[in-house]
Amino acid sequence: MPSCEPGPPAACLPTKTFRSYLPHCHRTYSCVHCQAHLAKHDELISKSFQGSHGRAYLFNSVVNVGCGPAEQRLLLTGLHSVADIFCESCKTTLGWKYEQAFETSQKYKEGKFIIEMSHMVKDNGWD
């Protein structure tokens, strides 16, 4: 793992400001629409999920994301209580947060986040 170097000087920071910036030494995922940081690669749980519009990743935690009201939805793996999540910067809906799973085998998803691949890009050190 690369060592954490201090970030760029203040004059080099992007003109947009986000609530949270992830360290430059980590591989990260960002919003494809506004480049707001969304998650560290270390928080990725699974790449084997299906979103509303294609492939999606399951994350343990995310940043710069707002949460809508919870509602019950019948998903591929059963009934869940989920809340849509959106980018705090550009307000694009990114996926959802699992609030509650009603089947015992799905309880591991509670409190976790789905972000659809079409709404994120990889940043920092993927080469």
Protein backbone atom coordinates (compact mmCIF):
# COMPACT_ATOMS: atom_id res chain seq x y z
CA MET A 1 0.00 0.00 0.00
CA PRO A 2 1.43 3.43 -0.88
CA SER A 3 2.40 5.75 1.94
CA CYS A 4 0.12 8.68 2.67
CA GLU A 5 1.70 11.85 1.38
CA PRO A 6 0.27 15.19 2.44
CA GLY A 7 -2.32 16.49 0.00
CA PRO A 8 -1.64 19.27 -2.49
CA PRO A 9 -1.21 22.83 -1.24
CA ALA A 10 -4.44 24.78 -0.77
CA ALA A 11 -3.87 26.63 -4.06
CA CYS A 12 -4.02 23.27 -5.91
CA LEU A 13 -7.31 22.07 -4.42
CA PRO A 14 -10.32 21.81 -6.74
CA THR A 15 -12.59 24.83 -6.89
CA LYS A 16 -15.60 22.79 -5.74
CA THR A 17 -15.74 21.99 -2.05
CA PHE A 18 -17.13 18.76 -0.70
CA ARG A 19 -17.96 17.83 2.86
CA SER A 20 -15.29 15.11 2.89
CA TYR A 21 -12.10 14.51 0.96
CA LEU A 22 -10.58 11.05 1.03
CA PRO A 23 -6.78 10.77 1.41
CA HIS A 24 -4.81 10.94 -1.85
CA CYS A 25 -2.98 7.75 -0.92
CA HIS A 26 -6.10 5.57 -1.21
CA ARG A 27 -7.78 4.20 -4.28
CA THR A 28 -11.18 5.85 -4.28
CA TYR A 29 -14.49 6.02 -6.10
CA SER A 30 -15.91 9.43 -7.08
CA CYS A 31 -19.15 10.75 -8.55
CA VAL A 32 -18.91 10.61 -12.34
CA HIS A 33 -20.98 13.79 -12.63
CA CYS A 34 -19.12 16.17 -10.26
CA GLN A 35 -16.04 14.22 -9.02
CA ALA A 36 -17.09 14.34 -5.34
CA HIS A 37 -15.37 11.56 -3.40
CA LEU A 38 -17.77 8.75 -2.53
CA ALA A 39 -15.85 5.81 -1.02
CA LYS A 40 -12.46 4.27 -0.39
CA HIS A 41 -11.72 1.00 -2.15
CA ASP A 42 -11.08 -0.50 1.31
CA GLU A 43 -14.80 -0.05 2.06
CA LEU A 44 -15.88 -2.18 -0.93
CA ILE A 45 -17.68 -5.35 0.15
CA SER A 46 -18.89 -6.78 -3.17
CA LYS A 47 -18.93 -6.06 -6.91
CA SER A 48 -21.71 -8.60 -7.52
CA PHE A 49 -24.81 -6.45 -7.10
CA GLN A 50 -27.48 -5.31 -9.50
CA GLY A 51 -28.77 -1.75 -9.31
CA SER A 52 -31.85 -0.27 -10.91
CA HIS A 53 -29.84 0.58 -14.06
CA GLY A 54 -27.10 -2.05 -14.20
CA ARG A 55 -24.17 -3.32 -12.16
CA ALA A 56 -23.57 -1.91 -8.71
CA TYR A 57 -21.10 -2.20 -5.83
CA LEU A 58 -21.88 -2.74 -2.14
CA PHE A 59 -19.91 -0.51 0.27
CA ASN A 60 -19.56 -0.59 4.03
CA SER A 61 -19.44 3.23 4.25
CA VAL A 62 -19.60 6.25 1.94
CA VAL A 63 -18.99 10.02 2.15
CA ASN A 64 -20.57 13.10 0.54
CA VAL A 65 -23.87 11.26 0.25
CA GLY A 66 -27.35 12.25 1.40
CA CYS A 67 -30.15 9.85 2.23
CA GLY A 68 -33.83 10.04 1.35
CA PRO A 69 -36.72 8.49 3.28
CA ALA A 70 -36.82 4.71 3.72
CA GLU A 71 -39.37 2.66 1.82
CA GLN A 72 -40.03 -1.03 1.35
CA ARG A 73 -38.97 -2.49 -2.00
CA LEU A 74 -39.08 -6.00 -3.36
CA LEU A 75 -35.55 -6.51 -4.73
CA LEU A 76 -33.99 -9.56 -6.40
CA THR A 77 -33.06 -10.96 -2.98
CA GLY A 78 -36.39 -10.30 -1.25
CA LEU A 79 -38.17 -7.54 0.62
CA HIS A 80 -35.95 -4.78 2.05
CA SER A 81 -36.42 -1.36 3.57
CA VAL A 82 -34.13 0.95 1.57
CA ALA A 83 -33.49 4.68 1.24
CA ASP A 84 -32.25 6.26 -1.98
CA ILE A 85 -28.84 7.92 -1.65
CA PHE A 86 -27.72 10.93 -3.63
CA CYS A 87 -24.53 12.91 -4.18
CA GLU A 88 -24.50 15.87 -1.77
CA SER A 89 -22.76 18.00 -4.39
CA CYS A 90 -24.73 17.47 -7.61
CA LYS A 91 -27.85 15.75 -6.14
CA THR A 92 -27.67 12.80 -8.56
CA THR A 93 -29.30 9.63 -7.23
CA LEU A 94 -26.46 7.10 -6.89
CA GLY A 95 -28.13 4.01 -5.44
CA TRP A 96 -29.57 3.16 -2.03
CA LYS A 97 -28.86 2.34 1.59
CA TYR A 98 -30.15 -0.90 3.08
CA GLU A 99 -32.02 0.12 6.23
CA GLN A 100 -33.58 -3.26 7.02
CA ALA A 101 -33.59 -6.73 5.53
CA PHE A 102 -36.56 -8.94 6.34
CA GLU A 103 -34.87 -12.26 5.52
CA THR A 104 -32.24 -13.62 7.90
CA SER A 105 -29.81 -14.42 5.08
CA GLN A 106 -29.86 -10.78 3.96
CA LYS A 107 -29.25 -9.11 7.36
CA TYR A 108 -25.55 -8.51 6.51
CA LYS A 109 -26.68 -5.74 4.10
CA GLU A 110 -28.25 -3.58 6.81
CA GLY A 111 -26.53 -0.20 7.07
CA LYS A 112 -24.59 -0.83 3.82
CA PHE A 113 -24.70 1.19 0.59
CA ILE A 114 -25.27 0.34 -3.07
CA ILE A 115 -23.71 2.66 -5.67
CA GLU A 116 -24.40 1.97 -9.32
CA MET A 117 -21.35 1.70 -11.57
CA SER A 118 -22.79 4.21 -14.04
CA HIS A 119 -22.55 6.95 -11.37
CA MET A 120 -18.96 6.49 -10.20
CA VAL A 121 -15.38 6.54 -11.48
CA LYS A 122 -12.15 5.18 -10.03
CA ASP A 123 -9.59 7.69 -8.76
CA ASN A 124 -6.06 7.64 -7.26
CA GLY A 125 -3.65 4.83 -7.94
CA TRP A 126 -5.58 2.29 -10.01
CA ASP A 127 -2.73 1.90 -12.52
